[in-house]
């Protein structure tokens, strides 16, 4: 007898990606997670975008959903007097061979990138943004290639609305908060972490808008464990609240979801326009345009190669 699994069940999540994860693939997943972490350190780039390009997105959402489900089973089992048995079974169902190396690589590279890429963006903004502009421009093709059916009229409306929303969001000026209250840190982390799984929306940029980007950097540099703990807790709560919804949308409303993600990526290009003021106002190109143009083409070429590699890997899997 064949058993039908509901799309929301944790066991279905393990197989929905179409790939079985083993610990033998951990080194590659560490590298792929590191790429996502590097993207999250740059205001204007979403880790979700890179996850899409390198073929991690669906599997990452499914694994995160499993983890959220396991956490809820553990908590509700204790609260309702059922014991930890259901929670332990749910924990065992989590795709750990995939999730552990990806999250490990992501965390390590994110911390390193905050010290390397962010200063580079400050000291050489035009060439750095040019590289990332080219990368994200080509990346828009990824969710469009994943559409189950052709683009329709409603899809066009959703695409343009999402692009407009992202364009407006990325034009907001950065706030300045010298010593944020911990409740504000918690809320900011809960909001910004969703950009990790939402292509086109940068978690770093959201932190900038809320005035938390610099305080987070300082807290990490100064090893402020209280600040970091509150930020991590807020991130866990925010991610747990959003990832189940996003997974449901990917499995049940995939066409509209991918269209919206594509629009968000298009609108987010505003924050990566090489020439802009400190208040994010767009400026006309100044000085030599050839250098930034070549860098943009180079960035686009790197992503195009990544897309081709992922496409070939998917066929061979």
Protein backbone atom coordinates (compact mmCIF):
# COMPACT_ATOMS: atom_id res chain seq x y z
CA UNK A 1 0.00 0.00 0.00
CA UNK A 2 1.28 3.46 -0.89
CA UNK A 3 1.10 6.04 1.86
CA UNK A 4 0.30 9.61 0.91
CA UNK A 5 2.18 12.31 2.80
CA UNK A 6 0.82 15.75 3.36
CA UNK A 7 2.97 18.61 2.05
CA UNK A 8 3.28 20.02 5.53
CA UNK A 9 4.58 16.86 7.19
CA UNK A 10 8.23 16.83 8.29
CA UNK A 11 8.95 13.54 6.56
CA UNK A 12 7.74 14.96 3.26
CA UNK A 13 10.23 17.80 3.68
CA UNK A 14 13.16 15.40 3.64
CA UNK A 15 12.35 14.14 0.19
CA UNK A 16 10.86 17.21 -1.40
CA UNK A 17 14.21 18.54 -2.49
CA UNK A 18 14.76 15.45 -4.60
CA UNK A 19 18.20 14.81 -3.11
CA UNK A 20 19.29 12.57 -0.29
CA UNK A 21 21.80 14.31 1.97
CA UNK A 22 24.69 12.38 3.48
CA UNK A 23 27.62 13.39 5.63
CA UNK A 24 29.86 12.69 2.64
CA UNK A 25 28.47 15.86 1.02
CA UNK A 26 29.24 17.95 4.13
CA UNK A 27 32.42 19.66 2.75
CA UNK A 28 30.55 20.89 -0.33
CA UNK A 29 27.61 22.05 1.79
CA UNK A 30 29.98 23.95 4.09
CA UNK A 31 31.26 25.87 1.06
CA UNK A 32 27.74 26.51 -0.25
CA UNK A 33 26.61 27.67 3.19
CA UNK A 34 29.63 29.95 3.32
CA UNK A 35 28.54 31.62 0.08
CA UNK A 36 25.14 32.33 1.62
CA UNK A 37 26.79 33.73 4.74
CA UNK A 38 29.04 36.00 2.68
CA UNK A 39 26.00 37.38 0.86
CA UNK A 40 24.23 38.16 4.14
CA UNK A 41 27.09 40.43 5.23
CA UNK A 42 26.62 42.80 2.30
CA UNK A 43 23.81 45.37 2.48
CA UNK A 44 21.72 44.94 -0.64
CA UNK A 45 22.31 41.21 -1.16
CA UNK A 46 20.08 38.48 0.23
CA UNK A 47 21.44 35.14 1.29
CA UNK A 48 18.25 33.66 -0.14
CA UNK A 49 19.28 34.88 -3.58
CA UNK A 50 22.58 33.01 -3.40
CA UNK A 51 20.80 29.95 -2.02
CA UNK A 52 18.60 29.98 -5.11
CA UNK A 53 21.56 30.31 -7.48
CA UNK A 54 23.56 27.44 -5.97
CA UNK A 55 20.55 25.14 -5.63
CA UNK A 56 20.11 25.21 -1.85
CA UNK A 57 16.85 27.10 -1.57
CA UNK A 58 14.11 24.45 -1.46
CA UNK A 59 16.22 22.05 0.57
CA UNK A 60 17.17 24.79 3.03
CA UNK A 61 13.55 25.85 3.54
CA UNK A 62 12.46 22.24 4.03
CA UNK A 63 15.25 21.52 6.54
CA UNK A 64 14.51 24.74 8.45
CA UNK A 65 10.83 23.77 8.54
CA UNK A 66 11.76 20.39 9.98
CA UNK A 67 13.86 22.09 12.66
CA UNK A 68 11.01 24.43 13.61
CA UNK A 69 8.61 21.48 13.74
CA UNK A 70 10.98 19.54 16.03
CA UNK A 71 11.34 22.50 18.39
CA UNK A 72 7.58 22.92 18.65
CA UNK A 73 7.08 19.20 19.26
CA UNK A 74 9.59 19.27 22.12
CA UNK A 75 8.00 22.30 23.75
CA UNK A 76 4.35 21.28 23.32
CA UNK A 77 5.13 17.70 24.41
CA UNK A 78 6.48 18.94 27.75
CA UNK A 79 3.75 21.57 28.25
CA UNK A 80 0.91 19.15 27.50
CA UNK A 81 2.40 16.31 29.52
CA UNK A 82 3.05 14.00 26.58
CA UNK A 83 6.75 13.75 27.30
CA UNK A 84 9.62 14.33 24.89
CA UNK A 85 9.05 11.22 22.77
CA UNK A 86 7.31 12.98 19.83
CA UNK A 87 9.89 15.76 19.97
CA UNK A 88 12.82 13.31 19.91
CA UNK A 89 11.32 11.56 16.87
CA UNK A 90 10.90 14.92 15.14
CA UNK A 91 14.51 15.83 15.94
CA UNK A 92 15.68 12.59 14.34
CA UNK A 93 13.70 13.44 11.20
CA UNK A 94 15.63 16.70 10.71
CA UNK A 95 17.97 16.59 7.72
CA UNK A 96 21.07 17.06 9.90
CA UNK A 97 23.65 15.91 7.29
CA UNK A 98 22.51 18.87 5.19
CA UNK A 99 21.62 21.45 7.83
CA UNK A 100 24.68 21.25 10.10
CA UNK A 101 27.39 21.88 7.46
CA UNK A 102 25.32 24.56 5.70
CA UNK A 103 24.62 26.51 8.89
CA UNK A 104 28.18 26.01 10.11
CA UNK A 105 29.69 27.36 6.90
CA UNK A 106 27.17 30.19 6.86
CA UNK A 107 27.94 31.31 10.43
CA UNK A 108 31.73 31.20 10.08
CA UNK A 109 31.89 33.04 6.76
CA UNK A 110 29.29 35.59 7.90
CA UNK A 111 31.45 36.56 10.86
CA UNK A 112 34.56 36.78 8.67
CA UNK A 113 32.74 38.75 5.97
CA UNK A 114 31.53 41.36 8.44
CA UNK A 115 35.21 42.16 8.98
CA UNK A 116 36.29 41.95 5.32
CA UNK A 117 33.53 42.66 2.79
CA UNK A 118 31.74 45.42 4.71
CA UNK A 119 34.91 47.57 5.06
CA UNK A 120 35.64 46.98 1.37
CA UNK A 121 32.18 48.31 0.53
CA UNK A 122 32.91 51.43 2.57
CA UNK A 123 36.35 52.09 1.09
CA UNK A 124 35.57 51.19 -2.56
CA UNK A 125 31.77 51.50 -2.90
CA UNK A 126 31.48 51.94 -6.69
CA UNK A 127 33.52 48.92 -7.88
CA UNK A 128 32.21 46.70 -5.07
CA UNK A 129 28.57 47.52 -5.80
CA UNK A 130 29.22 47.07 -9.52
CA UNK A 131 30.31 43.46 -8.98
CA UNK A 132 27.28 42.66 -6.87
CA UNK A 133 24.93 44.50 -9.26
CA UNK A 134 26.00 42.20 -12.09
CA UNK A 135 25.66 39.14 -9.89
CA UNK A 136 22.10 39.87 -8.75
CA UNK A 137 20.94 41.05 -12.21
CA UNK A 138 21.77 37.64 -13.68
CA UNK A 139 20.39 35.83 -10.62
CA UNK A 140 16.86 37.02 -11.44
CA UNK A 141 16.80 34.33 -14.12
CA UNK A 142 16.98 31.60 -11.47
CA UNK A 143 13.48 31.85 -9.95
CA UNK A 144 12.04 32.60 -13.40
CA UNK A 145 13.49 29.31 -14.65
CA UNK A 146 11.79 27.54 -11.74
CA UNK A 147 8.25 28.64 -12.69
CA UNK A 148 5.92 25.63 -13.11
CA UNK A 149 4.07 27.32 -15.99
CA UNK A 150 4.24 30.33 -18.31
CA UNK A 151 4.07 33.93 -17.16
CA UNK A 152 0.46 35.19 -17.06
CA UNK A 153 -1.28 38.53 -16.50
CA UNK A 154 -1.58 38.00 -12.74
CA UNK A 155 2.08 37.01 -12.64
CA UNK A 156 3.01 40.27 -14.34
CA UNK A 157 1.05 42.28 -11.75
CA UNK A 158 2.67 40.40 -8.85
CA UNK A 159 6.12 40.77 -10.40
CA UNK A 160 5.81 44.55 -10.86
CA UNK A 161 4.25 45.05 -7.40
CA UNK A 162 7.05 43.10 -5.71
CA UNK A 163 9.70 44.99 -7.70
CA UNK A 164 8.15 48.34 -6.73
CA UNK A 165 7.97 47.34 -3.05
CA UNK A 166 11.63 46.29 -3.01
CA UNK A 167 12.65 49.48 -4.86
CA UNK A 168 10.94 51.64 -2.23
CA UNK A 169 12.27 49.58 0.69
CA UNK A 170 15.88 49.75 -0.50
CA UNK A 171 15.60 53.52 -0.85
CA UNK A 172 14.88 54.09 2.84
CA UNK A 173 17.61 56.04 4.65
CA UNK A 174 19.70 54.32 7.30
CA UNK A 175 18.78 55.10 10.88
CA UNK A 176 21.33 55.92 13.56
CA UNK A 177 20.93 54.12 16.88
CA UNK A 178 23.95 54.36 19.16
CA UNK A 179 22.80 52.14 22.03
CA UNK A 180 19.70 50.16 21.03
CA UNK A 181 17.48 48.68 23.72
CA UNK A 182 17.51 44.89 23.89
CA UNK A 183 13.81 44.65 23.01
CA UNK A 184 14.57 46.60 19.83
CA UNK A 185 17.50 44.28 19.08
CA UNK A 186 15.17 41.29 19.48
CA UNK A 187 12.55 42.72 17.09
CA UNK A 188 15.18 43.85 14.59
CA UNK A 189 16.75 40.40 14.49
CA UNK A 190 13.34 38.73 14.08
CA UNK A 191 12.62 40.93 11.05
CA UNK A 192 16.07 40.89 9.44
CA UNK A 193 16.55 37.12 9.69
CA UNK A 194 13.65 36.56 7.31
CA UNK A 195 15.78 38.08 4.56
CA UNK A 196 17.99 35.02 4.94
CA UNK A 197 15.25 32.93 3.32
CA UNK A 198 13.65 35.64 1.19
CA UNK A 199 15.55 36.39 -2.05
CA UNK A 200 15.65 40.05 -3.00
CA UNK A 201 15.58 41.37 0.56
CA UNK A 202 18.90 41.91 2.31
CA UNK A 203 19.10 41.24 6.03
CA UNK A 204 22.11 43.54 6.32
CA UNK A 205 20.22 46.33 4.58
CA UNK A 206 17.23 45.91 6.91
CA UNK A 207 19.63 46.17 9.85
CA UNK A 208 21.03 49.36 8.33
CA UNK A 209 17.53 50.86 7.96
CA UNK A 210 16.76 49.98 11.59
CA UNK A 211 20.11 51.35 12.78
CA UNK A 212 21.33 47.98 14.04
CA UNK A 213 24.03 47.13 11.50
CA UNK A 214 26.86 48.97 13.26
CA UNK A 215 25.76 47.97 16.81
CA UNK A 216 25.73 44.31 15.73
CA UNK A 217 29.26 44.65 14.34
CA UNK A 218 30.45 46.30 17.55
CA UNK A 219 28.77 43.66 19.73
CA UNK A 220 30.57 40.90 17.80
CA UNK A 221 33.91 42.71 17.95
CA UNK A 222 33.55 43.41 21.70
CA UNK A 223 32.15 39.93 22.45
CA UNK A 224 29.02 41.38 24.06
CA UNK A 225 27.43 38.01 24.81
CA UNK A 226 24.19 39.50 26.19
CA UNK A 227 23.57 41.52 23.04
CA UNK A 228 24.50 38.60 20.79
CA UNK A 229 22.26 36.20 22.75
CA UNK A 230 19.23 38.48 22.45
CA UNK A 231 19.90 38.97 18.74
CA UNK A 232 20.18 35.20 18.24
CA UNK A 233 16.95 34.57 20.15
CA UNK A 234 15.10 37.16 18.08
CA UNK A 235 16.46 35.59 14.90
CA UNK A 236 15.26 32.13 15.98
CA UNK A 237 11.78 33.40 16.81
CA UNK A 238 11.50 35.35 13.57
CA UNK A 239 12.74 32.51 11.42
CA UNK A 240 10.48 30.00 13.16
CA UNK A 241 7.46 32.20 12.57
CA UNK A 242 8.12 32.75 8.86
CA UNK A 243 9.74 29.63 7.48
CA UNK A 244 6.64 27.42 7.83
CA UNK A 245 4.59 29.91 5.81
CA UNK A 246 7.25 30.21 3.13
CA UNK A 247 7.56 26.43 2.84
CA UNK A 248 3.79 26.11 2.43
CA UNK A 249 3.86 28.75 -0.31
CA UNK A 250 6.70 26.97 -2.14
CA UNK A 251 4.82 23.67 -2.11
CA UNK A 252 1.29 24.94 -2.72
CA UNK A 253 1.61 28.33 -4.47
CA UNK A 254 4.94 27.92 -6.24
CA UNK A 255 4.13 29.95 -9.36
CA UNK A 256 3.10 33.09 -7.49
CA UNK A 257 5.86 32.70 -4.91
CA UNK A 258 8.62 32.47 -7.51
CA UNK A 259 7.16 35.42 -9.41
CA UNK A 260 7.17 37.56 -6.26
CA UNK A 261 10.73 36.50 -5.41
CA UNK A 262 11.85 37.47 -8.91
CA UNK A 263 10.25 40.88 -8.54
CA UNK A 264 11.89 41.44 -5.17
CA UNK A 265 15.26 40.64 -6.69
CA UNK A 266 14.69 43.11 -9.52
CA UNK A 267 13.64 45.91 -7.18
CA UNK A 268 16.56 45.24 -4.84
CA UNK A 269 19.00 46.19 -7.61
CA UNK A 270 18.35 49.78 -6.54
CA UNK A 271 20.50 49.31 -3.43
CA UNK A 272 23.36 47.95 -5.57
CA UNK A 273 23.47 50.74 -8.14
CA UNK A 274 27.18 51.67 -8.08
CA UNK A 275 26.68 55.44 -7.93
CA UNK A 276 24.64 56.64 -4.97
CA UNK A 277 24.90 59.06 -2.09
CA UNK A 278 25.25 58.17 1.59
CA UNK A 279 21.48 58.62 1.95
CA UNK A 280 20.92 56.03 -0.84
CA UNK A 281 19.91 58.61 -3.45
CA UNK A 282 20.69 57.35 -6.95
CA UNK A 283 23.28 59.34 -8.88
CA UNK A 284 24.32 59.48 -12.52
CA UNK A 285 27.58 57.67 -13.38
CA UNK A 286 30.68 59.75 -12.72
CA UNK A 287 34.30 59.23 -13.66
CA UNK A 288 35.32 56.20 -15.66
CA UNK A 289 32.37 53.92 -16.42
CA UNK A 290 34.43 51.21 -18.12
CA UNK A 291 35.85 49.81 -14.88
CA UNK A 292 32.52 49.36 -13.06
CA UNK A 293 30.94 47.99 -16.24
CA UNK A 294 33.63 45.33 -16.61
CA UNK A 295 33.31 44.43 -12.94
CA UNK A 296 29.53 44.10 -13.32
CA UNK A 297 30.04 41.81 -16.32
CA UNK A 298 32.56 39.78 -14.32
CA UNK A 299 30.10 39.40 -11.46
CA UNK A 300 27.39 38.38 -13.90
CA UNK A 301 29.75 35.85 -15.47
CA UNK A 302 30.51 34.24 -12.09
CA UNK A 303 26.81 33.78 -11.34
CA UNK A 304 26.12 32.50 -14.84
CA UNK A 305 28.80 29.84 -14.36
CA UNK A 306 27.25 28.94 -11.00
CA UNK A 307 23.83 28.58 -12.65
CA UNK A 308 25.23 26.35 -15.37
CA UNK A 309 27.11 24.25 -12.78
CA UNK A 310 23.98 23.81 -10.67
CA UNK A 311 21.90 22.94 -13.72
CA UNK A 312 24.42 20.28 -14.75
CA UNK A 313 24.66 18.93 -11.18
CA UNK A 314 20.87 18.64 -11.03
CA UNK A 315 20.78 16.63 -14.25
CA UNK A 316 23.51 14.30 -13.04
CA UNK A 317 21.88 13.79 -9.61
